[in-house]
């Protein structure tokens, strides 16, 4: 089993429209935070999968791939908002 321990103490209580009416800078900051947060969770799930066997392991790995694809889209959106070249 995986020896990685992580206490997840933060909450997800926030306005889902924090960017609505916010500045472009606030929107970029929020999106960057959420992207990094998602990457952290993907890393944790990847580690967790190594402690699993069989179909459960395969499903968690598949979920990590899906999260990484979503993160790629968020990264592209962030670049657009920052007006960066791809």
PDB file of N, CA and C in Angstrom:
ATOM      1  N   UNK A   1       0.841  -1.189   0.000  1.00  0.00           N
ATOM      2  CA  UNK A   1       0.000   0.000   0.000  1.00  0.00           C
ATOM      3  C   UNK A   1       0.878   1.241   0.000  1.00  0.00           C
ATOM      4  N   UNK A   2       0.415   2.277  -0.535  1.00  0.00           N
ATOM      5  CA  UNK A   2       1.131   3.542  -0.626  1.00  0.00           C
ATOM      6  C   UNK A   2       1.335   4.141   0.765  1.00  0.00           C
ATOM      7  N   UNK A   3       2.551   4.614   1.048  1.00  0.00           N
ATOM      8  CA  UNK A   3       2.834   5.189   2.350  1.00  0.00           C
ATOM      9  C   UNK A   3       2.632   6.696   2.374  1.00  0.00           C
ATOM     10  N   UNK A   4       2.115   7.253   1.317  1.00  0.00           N
ATOM     11  CA  UNK A   4       1.894   8.693   1.231  1.00  0.00           C
ATOM     12  C   UNK A   4       0.699   9.088   2.080  1.00  0.00           C
ATOM     13  N   UNK A   5       0.917  10.001   2.996  1.00  0.00           N
ATOM     14  CA  UNK A   5      -0.179  10.508   3.807  1.00  0.00           C
ATOM     15  C   UNK A   5      -0.386  11.966   3.468  1.00  0.00           C
ATOM     16  N   UNK A   6      -1.626  12.358   3.418  1.00  0.00           N
ATOM     17  CA  UNK A   6      -1.930  13.744   3.107  1.00  0.00           C
ATOM     18  C   UNK A   6      -3.226  14.116   3.789  1.00  0.00           C
ATOM     19  N   UNK A   7      -3.142  15.075   4.663  1.00  0.00           N
ATOM     20  CA  UNK A   7      -4.363  15.569   5.279  1.00  0.00           C
ATOM     21  C   UNK A   7      -4.895  16.691   4.417  1.00  0.00           C
ATOM     22  N   UNK A   8      -6.089  16.526   3.987  1.00  0.00           N
ATOM     23  CA  UNK A   8      -6.705  17.487   3.087  1.00  0.00           C
ATOM     24  C   UNK A   8      -7.654  18.342   3.915  1.00  0.00           C
ATOM     25  N   UNK A   9      -7.132  19.446   4.430  1.00  0.00           N
ATOM     26  CA  UNK A   9      -7.904  20.205   5.404  1.00  0.00           C
ATOM     27  C   UNK A   9      -8.601  21.436   4.838  1.00  0.00           C
ATOM     28  N   UNK A  10      -8.323  21.795   3.592  1.00  0.00           N
ATOM     29  CA  UNK A  10      -8.991  22.989   3.079  1.00  0.00           C
ATOM     30  C   UNK A  10     -10.407  22.653   2.631  1.00  0.00           C
ATOM     31  N   UNK A  11     -11.217  23.653   2.587  1.00  0.00           N
ATOM     32  CA  UNK A  11     -12.601  23.444   2.166  1.00  0.00           C
ATOM     33  C   UNK A  11     -12.787  23.962   0.750  1.00  0.00           C
ATOM     34  N   UNK A  12     -13.897  23.628   0.196  1.00  0.00           N
ATOM     35  CA  UNK A  12     -14.232  24.085  -1.151  1.00  0.00           C
ATOM     36  C   UNK A  12     -15.427  25.024  -1.101  1.00  0.00           C
ATOM     37  N   UNK A  13     -15.558  25.731   0.005  1.00  0.00           N
ATOM     38  CA  UNK A  13     -16.660  26.676   0.149  1.00  0.00           C
ATOM     39  C   UNK A  13     -16.241  28.021  -0.411  1.00  0.00           C
ATOM     40  N   UNK A  14     -16.747  28.321  -1.573  1.00  0.00           N
ATOM     41  CA  UNK A  14     -16.449  29.594  -2.211  1.00  0.00           C
ATOM     42  C   UNK A  14     -17.515  29.859  -3.254  1.00  0.00           C
ATOM     43  N   UNK A  15     -17.592  31.074  -3.667  1.00  0.00           N
ATOM     44  CA  UNK A  15     -18.545  31.431  -4.701  1.00  0.00           C
ATOM     45  C   UNK A  15     -18.091  30.828  -6.013  1.00  0.00           C
ATOM     46  N   UNK A  16     -18.986  30.173  -6.710  1.00  0.00           N
ATOM     47  CA  UNK A  16     -18.639  29.621  -8.012  1.00  0.00           C
ATOM     48  C   UNK A  16     -18.683  30.694  -9.087  1.00  0.00           C
ATOM     49  N   UNK A  17     -18.938  31.896  -8.673  1.00  0.00           N
ATOM     50  CA  UNK A  17     -18.933  32.992  -9.628  1.00  0.00           C
ATOM     51  C   UNK A  17     -17.967  34.071  -9.151  1.00  0.00           C
ATOM     52  N   UNK A  18     -16.874  33.639  -8.524  1.00  0.00           N
ATOM     53  CA  UNK A  18     -15.888  34.591  -8.012  1.00  0.00           C
ATOM     54  C   UNK A  18     -15.308  35.427  -9.141  1.00  0.00           C
ATOM     55  N   UNK A  19     -15.194  34.828 -10.323  1.00  0.00           N
ATOM     56  CA  UNK A  19     -14.628  35.561 -11.455  1.00  0.00           C
ATOM     57  C   UNK A  19     -15.656  36.489 -12.096  1.00  0.00           C
ATOM     58  N   UNK A  20     -16.941  36.248 -11.835  1.00  0.00           N
ATOM     59  CA  UNK A  20     -17.988  37.084 -12.412  1.00  0.00           C
ATOM     60  C   UNK A  20     -17.888  38.480 -11.825  1.00  0.00           C
ATOM     61  N   UNK A  21     -17.644  39.428 -12.649  1.00  0.00           N
ATOM     62  CA  UNK A  21     -17.538  40.794 -12.170  1.00  0.00           C
ATOM     63  C   UNK A  21     -16.179  41.115 -11.592  1.00  0.00           C
ATOM     64  N   UNK A  22     -15.297  40.115 -11.525  1.00  0.00           N
ATOM     65  CA  UNK A  22     -13.945  40.354 -11.041  1.00  0.00           C
ATOM     66  C   UNK A  22     -13.083  40.914 -12.155  1.00  0.00           C
ATOM     67  N   UNK A  23     -11.902  41.320 -11.803  1.00  0.00           N
ATOM     68  CA  UNK A  23     -10.986  41.827 -12.807  1.00  0.00           C
ATOM     69  C   UNK A  23     -10.378  40.672 -13.585  1.00  0.00           C
ATOM     70  N   UNK A  24      -9.810  40.987 -14.729  1.00  0.00           N
ATOM     71  CA  UNK A  24      -9.120  39.956 -15.503  1.00  0.00           C
ATOM     72  C   UNK A  24      -7.999  39.339 -14.679  1.00  0.00           C
ATOM     73  N   UNK A  25      -7.326  40.159 -13.900  1.00  0.00           N
ATOM     74  CA  UNK A  25      -6.234  39.674 -13.064  1.00  0.00           C
ATOM     75  C   UNK A  25      -6.740  38.679 -12.019  1.00  0.00           C
ATOM     76  N   UNK A  26      -7.892  38.964 -11.436  1.00  0.00           N
ATOM     77  CA  UNK A  26      -8.479  38.054 -10.448  1.00  0.00           C
ATOM     78  C   UNK A  26      -8.898  36.745 -11.101  1.00  0.00           C
ATOM     79  N   UNK A  27      -9.445  36.823 -12.296  1.00  0.00           N
ATOM     80  CA  UNK A  27      -9.860  35.623 -13.015  1.00  0.00           C
ATOM     81  C   UNK A  27      -8.655  34.755 -13.334  1.00  0.00           C
ATOM     82  N   UNK A  28      -7.585  35.359 -13.820  1.00  0.00           N
ATOM     83  CA  UNK A  28      -6.362  34.619 -14.128  1.00  0.00           C
ATOM     84  C   UNK A  28      -5.800  33.981 -12.860  1.00  0.00           C
ATOM     85  N   UNK A  29      -5.784  34.714 -11.769  1.00  0.00           N
ATOM     86  CA  UNK A  29      -5.258  34.187 -10.507  1.00  0.00           C
ATOM     87  C   UNK A  29      -6.092  33.000 -10.025  1.00  0.00           C
ATOM     88  N   UNK A  30      -7.409  33.106 -10.118  1.00  0.00           N
ATOM     89  CA  UNK A  30      -8.289  32.022  -9.684  1.00  0.00           C
ATOM     90  C   UNK A  30      -8.095  30.786 -10.559  1.00  0.00           C
ATOM     91  N   UNK A  31      -8.027  30.979 -11.862  1.00  0.00           N
ATOM     92  CA  UNK A  31      -7.843  29.853 -12.767  1.00  0.00           C
ATOM     93  C   UNK A  31      -6.487  29.189 -12.537  1.00  0.00           C
ATOM     94  N   UNK A  32      -5.449  29.982 -12.327  1.00  0.00           N
ATOM     95  CA  UNK A  32      -4.117  29.424 -12.060  1.00  0.00           C
ATOM     96  C   UNK A  32      -4.126  28.616 -10.765  1.00  0.00           C
ATOM     97  N   UNK A  33      -4.784  29.157  -9.738  1.00  0.00           N
ATOM     98  CA  UNK A  33      -4.886  28.439  -8.465  1.00  0.00           C
ATOM     99  C   UNK A  33      -5.607  27.104  -8.668  1.00  0.00           C
ATOM    100  N   UNK A  34      -6.723  27.126  -9.370  1.00  0.00           N
ATOM    101  CA  UNK A  34      -7.514  25.911  -9.558  1.00  0.00           C
ATOM    102  C   UNK A  34      -6.745  24.877 -10.377  1.00  0.00           C
ATOM    103  N   UNK A  35      -6.007  25.334 -11.379  1.00  0.00           N
ATOM    104  CA  UNK A  35      -5.205  24.422 -12.189  1.00  0.00           C
ATOM    105  C   UNK A  35      -4.140  23.745 -11.330  1.00  0.00           C
ATOM    106  N   UNK A  36      -3.429  24.515 -10.537  1.00  0.00           N
ATOM    107  CA  UNK A  36      -2.403  23.932  -9.660  1.00  0.00           C
ATOM    108  C   UNK A  36      -3.021  22.984  -8.646  1.00  0.00           C
ATOM    109  N   UNK A  37      -4.184  23.340  -8.127  1.00  0.00           N
ATOM    110  CA  UNK A  37      -4.907  22.501  -7.182  1.00  0.00           C
ATOM    111  C   UNK A  37      -5.269  21.159  -7.834  1.00  0.00           C
ATOM    112  N   UNK A  38      -5.780  21.211  -9.053  1.00  0.00           N
ATOM    113  CA  UNK A  38      -6.137  19.986  -9.776  1.00  0.00           C
ATOM    114  C   UNK A  38      -4.907  19.124 -10.035  1.00  0.00           C
ATOM    115  N   UNK A  39      -3.786  19.759 -10.385  1.00  0.00           N
ATOM    116  CA  UNK A  39      -2.559  18.997 -10.629  1.00  0.00           C
ATOM    117  C   UNK A  39      -2.118  18.268  -9.366  1.00  0.00           C
ATOM    118  N   UNK A  40      -2.248  18.928  -8.240  1.00  0.00           N
ATOM    119  CA  UNK A  40      -1.879  18.308  -6.963  1.00  0.00           C
ATOM    120  C   UNK A  40      -2.738  17.069  -6.706  1.00  0.00           C
ATOM    121  N   UNK A  41      -4.027  17.196  -6.945  1.00  0.00           N
ATOM    122  CA  UNK A  41      -4.922  16.047  -6.746  1.00  0.00           C
ATOM    123  C   UNK A  41      -4.607  14.922  -7.723  1.00  0.00           C
ATOM    124  N   UNK A  42      -4.286  15.252  -8.952  1.00  0.00           N
ATOM    125  CA  UNK A  42      -3.925  14.219  -9.933  1.00  0.00           C
ATOM    126  C   UNK A  42      -2.688  13.456  -9.459  1.00  0.00           C
ATOM    127  N   UNK A  43      -1.706  14.183  -8.934  1.00  0.00           N
ATOM    128  CA  UNK A  43      -0.499  13.527  -8.412  1.00  0.00           C
ATOM    129  C   UNK A  43      -0.842  12.589  -7.255  1.00  0.00           C
ATOM    130  N   UNK A  44      -1.711  13.041  -6.373  1.00  0.00           N
ATOM    131  CA  UNK A  44      -2.111  12.206  -5.237  1.00  0.00           C
ATOM    132  C   UNK A  44      -2.847  10.953  -5.705  1.00  0.00           C
ATOM    133  N   UNK A  45      -3.731  11.105  -6.664  1.00  0.00           N
ATOM    134  CA  UNK A  45      -4.464   9.948  -7.179  1.00  0.00           C
ATOM    135  C   UNK A  45      -3.528   8.966  -7.875  1.00  0.00           C
ATOM    136  N   UNK A  46      -2.558   9.492  -8.578  1.00  0.00           N
ATOM    137  CA  UNK A  46      -1.573   8.633  -9.244  1.00  0.00           C
ATOM    138  C   UNK A  46      -0.822   7.792  -8.215  1.00  0.00           C
ATOM    139  N   UNK A  47      -0.401   8.424  -7.133  1.00  0.00           N
ATOM    140  CA  UNK A  47       0.282   7.694  -6.054  1.00  0.00           C
ATOM    141  C   UNK A  47      -0.651   6.652  -5.436  1.00  0.00           C
ATOM    142  N   UNK A  48      -1.882   7.039  -5.213  1.00  0.00           N
ATOM    143  CA  UNK A  48      -2.854   6.132  -4.617  1.00  0.00           C
ATOM    144  C   UNK A  48      -3.061   4.905  -5.503  1.00  0.00           C
ATOM    145  N   UNK A  49      -3.086   5.091  -6.804  1.00  0.00           N
ATOM    146  CA  UNK A  49      -3.309   3.985  -7.731  1.00  0.00           C
ATOM    147  C   UNK A  49      -2.238   2.915  -7.605  1.00  0.00           C
ATOM    148  N   UNK A  50      -1.029   3.322  -7.273  1.00  0.00           N
ATOM    149  CA  UNK A  50       0.053   2.350  -7.149  1.00  0.00           C
ATOM    150  C   UNK A  50      -0.158   1.387  -5.990  1.00  0.00           C
ATOM    151  N   UNK A  51      -1.019   1.738  -5.063  1.00  0.00           N
ATOM    152  CA  UNK A  51      -1.325   0.849  -3.951  1.00  0.00           C
ATOM    153  C   UNK A  51      -2.519  -0.043  -4.211  1.00  0.00           C
ATOM    154  N   UNK A  52      -3.095   0.086  -5.397  1.00  0.00           N
ATOM    155  CA  UNK A  52      -4.281  -0.699  -5.739  1.00  0.00           C
ATOM    156  C   UNK A  52      -3.915  -1.821  -6.708  1.00  0.00           C
ATOM    157  N   UNK A  53      -4.822  -2.748  -6.855  1.00  0.00           N
ATOM    158  CA  UNK A  53      -4.637  -3.852  -7.791  1.00  0.00           C
ATOM    159  C   UNK A  53      -5.810  -3.918  -8.753  1.00  0.00           C
ATOM    160  N   UNK A  54      -5.587  -4.606  -9.836  1.00  0.00           N
ATOM    161  CA  UNK A  54      -6.656  -4.958 -10.766  1.00  0.00           C
ATOM    162  C   UNK A  54      -7.386  -3.788 -11.385  1.00  0.00           C
ATOM    163  N   UNK A  55      -8.690  -3.986 -11.489  1.00  0.00           N
ATOM    164  CA  UNK A  55      -9.532  -3.016 -12.174  1.00  0.00           C
ATOM    165  C   UNK A  55      -9.577  -1.679 -11.435  1.00  0.00           C
ATOM    166  N   UNK A  56      -9.514  -1.698 -10.108  1.00  0.00           N
ATOM    167  CA  UNK A  56      -9.518  -0.445  -9.352  1.00  0.00           C
ATOM    168  C   UNK A  56      -8.309   0.398  -9.740  1.00  0.00           C
ATOM    169  N   UNK A  57      -7.153  -0.230  -9.846  1.00  0.00           N
ATOM    170  CA  UNK A  57      -5.933   0.479 -10.253  1.00  0.00           C
ATOM    171  C   UNK A  57      -6.086   1.073 -11.648  1.00  0.00           C
ATOM    172  N   UNK A  58      -6.611   0.275 -12.561  1.00  0.00           N
ATOM    173  CA  UNK A  58      -6.814   0.734 -13.938  1.00  0.00           C
ATOM    174  C   UNK A  58      -7.777   1.917 -13.997  1.00  0.00           C
ATOM    175  N   UNK A  59      -8.849   1.848 -13.226  1.00  0.00           N
ATOM    176  CA  UNK A  59      -9.838   2.925 -13.234  1.00  0.00           C
ATOM    177  C   UNK A  59      -9.279   4.227 -12.660  1.00  0.00           C
ATOM    178  N   UNK A  60      -8.503   4.122 -11.593  1.00  0.00           N
ATOM    179  CA  UNK A  60      -7.914   5.328 -11.016  1.00  0.00           C
ATOM    180  C   UNK A  60      -6.902   5.918 -11.993  1.00  0.00           C
ATOM    181  N   UNK A  61      -6.102   5.082 -12.633  1.00  0.00           N
ATOM    182  CA  UNK A  61      -5.161   5.586 -13.646  1.00  0.00           C
ATOM    183  C   UNK A  61      -5.908   6.262 -14.799  1.00  0.00           C
ATOM    184  N   UNK A  62      -7.019   5.675 -15.229  1.00  0.00           N
ATOM    185  CA  UNK A  62      -7.818   6.286 -16.293  1.00  0.00           C
ATOM    186  C   UNK A  62      -8.367   7.641 -15.850  1.00  0.00           C
ATOM    187  N   UNK A  63      -8.783   7.726 -14.604  1.00  0.00           N
ATOM    188  CA  UNK A  63      -9.286   8.997 -14.069  1.00  0.00           C
ATOM    189  C   UNK A  63      -8.185  10.055 -14.061  1.00  0.00           C
ATOM    190  N   UNK A  64      -6.975   9.649 -13.698  1.00  0.00           N
ATOM    191  CA  UNK A  64      -5.850  10.589 -13.697  1.00  0.00           C
ATOM    192  C   UNK A  64      -5.609  11.112 -15.113  1.00  0.00           C
ATOM    193  N   UNK A  65      -5.686  10.244 -16.096  1.00  0.00           N
ATOM    194  CA  UNK A  65      -5.514  10.671 -17.490  1.00  0.00           C
ATOM    195  C   UNK A  65      -6.590  11.688 -17.862  1.00  0.00           C
ATOM    196  N   UNK A  66      -7.826  11.442 -17.446  1.00  0.00           N
ATOM    197  CA  UNK A  66      -8.913  12.385 -17.724  1.00  0.00           C
ATOM    198  C   UNK A  66      -8.664  13.732 -17.049  1.00  0.00           C
ATOM    199  N   UNK A  67      -8.200  13.701 -15.810  1.00  0.00           N
ATOM    200  CA  UNK A  67      -7.901  14.942 -15.088  1.00  0.00           C
ATOM    201  C   UNK A  67      -6.790  15.701 -15.805  1.00  0.00           C
ATOM    202  N   UNK A  68      -5.773  14.979 -16.265  1.00  0.00           N
ATOM    203  CA  UNK A  68      -4.665  15.619 -16.970  1.00  0.00           C
ATOM    204  C   UNK A  68      -5.130  16.253 -18.282  1.00  0.00           C
ATOM    205  N   UNK A  69      -6.061  15.608 -18.968  1.00  0.00           N
ATOM    206  CA  UNK A  69      -6.620  16.193 -20.195  1.00  0.00           C
ATOM    207  C   UNK A  69      -7.380  17.483 -19.868  1.00  0.00           C
ATOM    208  N   UNK A  70      -8.150  17.449 -18.800  1.00  0.00           N
ATOM    209  CA  UNK A  70      -8.871  18.652 -18.367  1.00  0.00           C
ATOM    210  C   UNK A  70      -7.890  19.756 -17.990  1.00  0.00           C
ATOM    211  N   UNK A  71      -6.829  19.386 -17.302  1.00  0.00           N
ATOM    212  CA  UNK A  71      -5.825  20.367 -16.918  1.00  0.00           C
ATOM    213  C   UNK A  71      -5.146  20.984 -18.145  1.00  0.00           C
ATOM    214  N   UNK A  72      -4.945  20.176 -19.186  1.00  0.00           N
ATOM    215  CA  UNK A  72      -4.381  20.715 -20.425  1.00  0.00           C
ATOM    216  C   UNK A  72      -5.296  21.796 -21.006  1.00  0.00           C
ATOM    217  N   UNK A  73      -6.598  21.554 -20.971  1.00  0.00           N
ATOM    218  CA  UNK A  73      -7.559  22.553 -21.470  1.00  0.00           C
ATOM    219  C   UNK A  73      -7.535  23.801 -20.603  1.00  0.00           C
ATOM    220  N   UNK A  74      -7.470  23.623 -19.289  1.00  0.00           N
ATOM    221  CA  UNK A  74      -7.396  24.775 -18.397  1.00  0.00           C
ATOM    222  C   UNK A  74      -6.119  25.575 -18.634  1.00  0.00           C
ATOM    223  N   UNK A  75      -5.013  24.878 -18.879  1.00  0.00           N
ATOM    224  CA  UNK A  75      -3.742  25.554 -19.157  1.00  0.00           C
ATOM    225  C   UNK A  75      -3.842  26.383 -20.436  1.00  0.00           C
ATOM    226  N   UNK A  76      -4.476  25.824 -21.463  1.00  0.00           N
ATOM    227  CA  UNK A  76      -4.658  26.570 -22.720  1.00  0.00           C
ATOM    228  C   UNK A  76      -5.531  27.806 -22.497  1.00  0.00           C
ATOM    229  N   UNK A  77      -6.580  27.651 -21.716  1.00  0.00           N
ATOM    230  CA  UNK A  77      -7.448  28.794 -21.413  1.00  0.00           C
ATOM    231  C   UNK A  77      -6.674  29.858 -20.646  1.00  0.00           C
ATOM    232  N   UNK A  78      -5.852  29.428 -19.718  1.00  0.00           N
ATOM    233  CA  UNK A  78      -5.046  30.363 -18.935  1.00  0.00           C
ATOM    234  C   UNK A  78      -4.083  31.131 -19.834  1.00  0.00           C
ATOM    235  N   UNK A  79      -3.466  30.434 -20.776  1.00  0.00           N
ATOM    236  CA  UNK A  79      -2.559  31.108 -21.726  1.00  0.00           C
ATOM    237  C   UNK A  79      -3.314  32.136 -22.549  1.00  0.00           C
ATOM    238  N   UNK A  80      -4.531  31.788 -22.972  1.00  0.00           N
ATOM    239  CA  UNK A  80      -5.328  32.739 -23.745  1.00  0.00           C
ATOM    240  C   UNK A  80      -5.660  33.966 -22.918  1.00  0.00           C
ATOM    241  N   UNK A  81      -6.032  33.738 -21.675  1.00  0.00           N
ATOM    242  CA  UNK A  81      -6.357  34.860 -20.803  1.00  0.00           C
ATOM    243  C   UNK A  81      -5.147  35.737 -20.534  1.00  0.00           C
ATOM    244  N   UNK A  82      -3.986  35.113 -20.460  1.00  0.00           N
ATOM    245  CA  UNK A  82      -2.757  35.859 -20.237  1.00  0.00           C
ATOM    246  C   UNK A  82      -2.211  36.436 -21.550  1.00  0.00           C
ATOM    247  N   UNK A  83      -2.911  36.095 -22.652  1.00  0.00           N
ATOM    248  CA  UNK A  83      -2.530  36.537 -23.990  1.00  0.00           C
ATOM    249  C   UNK A  83      -1.127  36.052 -24.365  1.00  0.00           C
ATOM    250  N   UNK A  84      -0.851  34.796 -23.992  1.00  0.00           N
ATOM    251  CA  UNK A  84       0.416  34.181 -24.319  1.00  0.00           C
ATOM    252  C   UNK A  84       0.277  33.395 -25.619  1.00  0.00           C
ATOM    253  N   UNK A  85       1.346  33.249 -26.305  1.00  0.00           N
ATOM    254  CA  UNK A  85       1.365  32.451 -27.533  1.00  0.00           C
ATOM    255  C   UNK A  85       1.417  30.978 -27.136  1.00  0.00           C
ATOM    256  N   UNK A  86       0.830  30.139 -27.968  1.00  0.00           N
ATOM    257  CA  UNK A  86       0.878  28.695 -27.694  1.00  0.00           C
ATOM    258  C   UNK A  86       2.158  28.115 -28.231  1.00  0.00           C
TER     259      UNK A  86
END
